[in-house]
Protein backbone atom coordinates (compact mmCIF):
# COMPACT_ATOMS: atom_id res chain seq x y z
CA MET A 1 92.08 66.75 -93.68
CA LYS A 2 90.93 63.85 -94.28
CA PHE A 3 89.08 62.10 -91.66
CA ILE A 4 89.01 58.35 -91.70
CA TRP A 5 86.51 56.04 -89.18
CA ARG A 6 88.49 53.20 -88.66
CA GLY A 7 85.66 51.71 -86.49
CA LYS A 8 87.00 48.96 -83.31
CA TYR A 9 90.62 49.17 -82.50
CA THR A 10 91.84 45.50 -82.02
CA GLY A 11 95.43 45.87 -82.01
CA PRO A 12 98.56 47.66 -83.10
CA HIS A 13 98.61 46.37 -86.52
CA GLN A 14 95.72 48.85 -87.46
CA LEU A 15 97.56 51.83 -86.81
CA PRO A 16 99.43 53.64 -89.64
CA LEU A 17 103.41 53.85 -89.13
CA GLY A 18 105.17 57.43 -90.10
CA VAL A 19 108.42 57.43 -91.80
CA LEU A 20 110.33 58.78 -89.01
CA PRO A 21 113.38 60.95 -88.48
CA GLU A 22 116.65 59.08 -87.93
CA GLY A 23 117.33 59.71 -83.97
CA ALA A 24 113.36 60.64 -83.75
CA VAL A 25 112.30 60.04 -79.66
CA GLN A 26 109.73 58.05 -78.26
CA TYR A 27 107.55 59.38 -75.42
CA GLN A 28 107.61 57.24 -72.51
CA GLU A 29 104.17 56.43 -72.42
CA PRO A 30 101.45 53.82 -72.34
CA ASP A 31 102.15 50.98 -74.63
CA THR A 32 98.45 50.09 -75.00
CA PRO A 33 94.80 51.22 -74.44
CA GLU A 34 94.47 49.37 -71.26
CA GLN A 35 97.56 51.29 -70.03
CA LEU A 36 96.68 54.20 -71.00
CA ALA A 37 93.23 54.12 -69.35
CA LYS A 38 95.07 52.95 -65.67
CA ALA A 39 97.63 56.43 -66.14
CA ALA A 40 94.73 58.73 -67.05
CA VAL A 41 93.26 57.53 -63.35
CA PRO A 42 95.23 60.54 -61.16
CA TYR A 43 94.06 63.30 -64.32
CA SER A 44 90.46 62.16 -64.04
CA LEU A 45 90.37 62.30 -60.14
CA TRP A 46 92.06 66.00 -60.37
CA MET A 47 89.27 66.76 -63.05
CA LEU A 48 86.57 65.66 -60.84
CA VAL A 49 88.02 67.41 -58.10
CA LEU A 50 88.23 71.13 -60.61
CA TRP A 51 84.34 70.07 -61.42
CA LEU A 52 83.06 69.74 -57.63
CA ALA A 53 85.41 72.89 -56.46
CA LEU A 54 83.99 75.10 -59.11
CA GLY A 55 80.19 74.08 -57.95
CA ALA A 56 81.27 74.86 -54.34
CA LEU A 57 82.77 78.29 -55.00
CA LYS A 58 79.31 79.18 -57.30
CA CYS A 59 77.81 78.41 -53.62
CA LEU A 60 80.04 80.59 -51.94
CA LEU A 61 79.70 83.10 -54.13
CA TRP A 62 75.69 83.20 -54.97
CA ARG A 63 75.33 81.88 -51.12
CA GLU A 64 72.93 79.27 -52.59
CA TRP A 65 73.21 75.30 -53.76
CA ALA A 66 74.55 75.36 -56.78
CA PHE A 67 75.40 72.02 -57.72
CA SER A 68 73.15 70.33 -60.03
CA CYS A 69 72.83 67.68 -62.69
CA SER A 70 71.25 66.88 -66.26
CA LEU A 71 70.71 63.44 -67.87
CA LEU A 72 70.60 65.21 -71.28
CA GLY A 73 74.29 67.00 -69.80
CA ILE A 74 75.39 63.40 -69.43
CA LEU A 75 73.98 62.27 -72.90
CA LEU A 76 75.22 65.27 -74.79
CA SER A 77 79.01 65.07 -73.65
CA LEU A 78 78.91 61.27 -75.03
CA ALA A 79 77.55 62.48 -78.44
CA LEU A 80 80.20 64.80 -78.37
CA ALA A 81 82.99 61.92 -78.56
CA ILE A 82 83.15 61.90 -82.03
CA PRO A 83 83.46 65.97 -82.61
CA HIS A 84 86.31 65.49 -79.56
CA GLU A 85 88.15 63.51 -82.47
CA LEU A 86 87.36 65.69 -84.96
CA ILE A 87 88.66 68.72 -83.79
CA HIS A 88 91.95 67.29 -82.77
CA GLY A 89 92.04 66.48 -86.20
CA LEU A 90 91.27 69.89 -87.34
CA PHE A 91 95.33 70.74 -86.19
CA PHE A 92 96.81 68.54 -88.78
CA PRO A 93 98.12 69.68 -92.30
CA ARG A 94 95.52 69.60 -94.79
CA LYS A 95 97.27 66.90 -96.39
CA ALA A 96 97.12 64.65 -93.34
CA GLU A 97 95.06 61.14 -93.50
CA VAL A 98 93.59 61.54 -89.80
CA GLU A 99 92.27 58.13 -88.87
CA CYS A 100 89.54 57.65 -86.14
CA PHE A 101 89.49 54.78 -83.91
CA GLN A 102 86.96 53.67 -80.73
CA ALA A 103 88.25 51.13 -77.29
CA ILE A 104 84.86 51.42 -76.08
CA ARG A 105 86.07 48.84 -73.45
CA GLN A 106 88.38 51.59 -72.39
CA GLY A 107 86.37 54.42 -72.53
CA MET A 108 88.53 56.22 -75.25
CA PHE A 109 88.31 57.08 -78.76
CA PHE A 110 91.34 58.38 -80.29
CA VAL A 111 93.15 59.32 -83.63
CA ILE A 112 96.12 59.34 -85.41
CA SER A 113 97.96 60.90 -88.29
CA THR A 114 101.06 60.26 -89.13
CA CYS A 115 101.98 64.06 -90.62
CA PRO A 116 104.62 65.88 -87.98
CA ILE A 117 103.59 68.92 -86.34
CA SER A 118 104.93 71.16 -84.02
CA ARG A 119 104.93 71.11 -80.34
CA ARG A 120 102.95 73.85 -79.61
CA ARG A 121 100.64 72.75 -82.08
CA PHE A 122 100.48 69.44 -81.15
CA LEU A 123 99.28 71.03 -77.06
CA TRP A 124 96.38 73.07 -78.79
CA LEU A 125 95.69 69.80 -80.44
CA SER A 126 95.50 67.89 -77.10
CA ALA A 127 93.96 71.05 -75.09
CA ALA A 128 91.13 72.25 -77.94
CA PRO A 129 88.26 69.88 -77.05
CA THR A 130 88.79 69.81 -73.46
CA LEU A 131 88.47 73.62 -73.30
CA LEU A 132 85.49 74.11 -76.06
CA PHE A 133 83.22 71.12 -74.33
CA GLY A 134 84.62 71.21 -70.69
CA LEU A 135 85.91 74.38 -69.20
CA LEU A 136 83.96 76.99 -71.50
CA PRO A 137 80.57 75.61 -70.84
CA LEU A 138 82.04 75.17 -67.03
CA GLY A 139 82.71 79.33 -67.56
CA VAL A 140 79.32 80.03 -68.77
CA TRP A 141 77.59 77.79 -66.37
CA MET A 142 79.81 80.01 -63.03
CA LEU A 143 78.30 83.45 -64.82
CA LEU A 144 74.51 82.62 -64.34
CA PRO A 145 72.47 82.61 -61.26
CA PRO A 146 71.99 79.11 -59.42
CA GLY A 147 69.23 76.52 -60.93
CA ARG A 148 70.01 77.74 -64.46
CA TRP A 149 71.20 75.64 -67.18
CA GLU A 150 72.39 72.58 -65.14
CA LEU A 151 72.85 70.58 -68.83
CA LEU A 152 76.51 73.29 -69.00
CA TYR A 153 77.82 72.05 -65.98
CA THR A 154 77.08 68.74 -66.43
CA LEU A 155 78.63 69.15 -70.07
CA GLY A 156 81.61 70.90 -68.95
CA GLY A 157 82.15 68.32 -65.88
CA MET A 158 81.49 64.98 -67.87
CA SER A 159 84.02 66.38 -70.79
CA LEU A 160 86.24 67.25 -68.30
CA GLN A 161 86.38 63.38 -67.34
CA LEU A 162 86.58 62.45 -71.39
CA GLY A 163 89.77 64.38 -71.99
CA CYS A 164 92.07 63.50 -69.21
CA GLY A 165 93.57 60.93 -71.83
CA ASP A 166 94.22 64.40 -73.64
CA LEU A 167 95.82 65.90 -70.60
CA LEU A 168 98.51 62.87 -70.30
CA ASN A 169 99.20 63.57 -73.35
CA ILE A 170 99.97 67.07 -72.29
CA HIS A 171 101.99 66.56 -69.70
CA HIS A 172 104.09 64.16 -71.40
CA THR A 173 104.92 66.96 -74.11
CA PHE A 174 105.46 69.35 -71.61
CA MET A 175 108.18 67.44 -69.47
CA GLN A 176 109.36 64.94 -72.39
CA VAL A 177 109.71 67.63 -75.82
CA PRO A 178 111.75 70.54 -75.64
CA PRO A 179 110.35 73.58 -76.98
CA GLY A 180 110.99 74.05 -80.90
CA ALA A 181 110.45 70.25 -81.76
CA MET A 182 108.07 68.83 -83.92
CA VAL A 183 105.82 65.60 -82.64
CA GLN A 184 105.09 62.93 -84.91
CA LEU A 185 102.68 59.87 -84.23
CA SER A 186 103.37 56.07 -85.44
CA GLY A 187 101.85 52.98 -84.23
CA PHE A 188 100.56 53.96 -80.50
CA HIS A 189 103.11 56.14 -79.97
CA SER A 190 104.40 59.65 -80.38
CA TYR A 191 108.04 60.47 -81.16
CA TRP A 192 109.82 64.03 -81.23
CA PHE A 193 112.43 65.71 -82.84
CA LEU A 194 114.32 68.87 -83.39
CA PRO A 195 113.96 69.49 -87.25
CA GLU A 196 117.40 72.30 -87.14
CA ARG A 197 119.38 68.88 -86.08
CA GLY A 198 118.05 66.67 -88.61
CA GLY A 199 115.99 64.83 -86.41
CA LYS A 200 119.10 63.44 -84.59
CA SER A 201 119.14 64.33 -80.76
CA ALA A 202 120.17 62.44 -78.01
CA GLY A 203 118.59 64.93 -75.02
CA GLY A 204 117.60 63.44 -72.14
CA ASN A 205 114.17 64.60 -72.25
CA GLY A 206 112.53 61.63 -74.23
């Protein structure tokens, strides 16, 4: 996998276009970073509820105040933005070129490669950074006594927030893409096709 930093995203003309199979179905999804940021807001709110709920649960389990915040945790979560995208890239084939862009005004980084991958692999690609930097630190923090390692609580919660765009991709993939399909990125959009049908599909899930 060749990871290429492209810098600031200014428009779709920067994005590579894949050679799509005949009949590939475009995701029903946002067309711009601005639309994507807006569509991700509900997922951000759900992750905030989960973050606070875990803190409340720990208070109940330990019968002690457990909510905490760490400035270092906030800074670390921001510093992990590029490693977050690198983890996405690792799920593409070895021969793939993975290009990384930043759209700071919309609060996001994103990667794109035009190599097709399986639906299952795309789901893991989307979920892996949030699992590693979000749920794993929160799970470890839940096991520790209150007042210990506030950094993990903050890092985990912030990483859940930063992964809300990935959760949107996961939702779209579960709802629109049938099992056994391949997923391919091209421009700002994702597409799916069924390889056993040569990419020809008029399925109603697209």
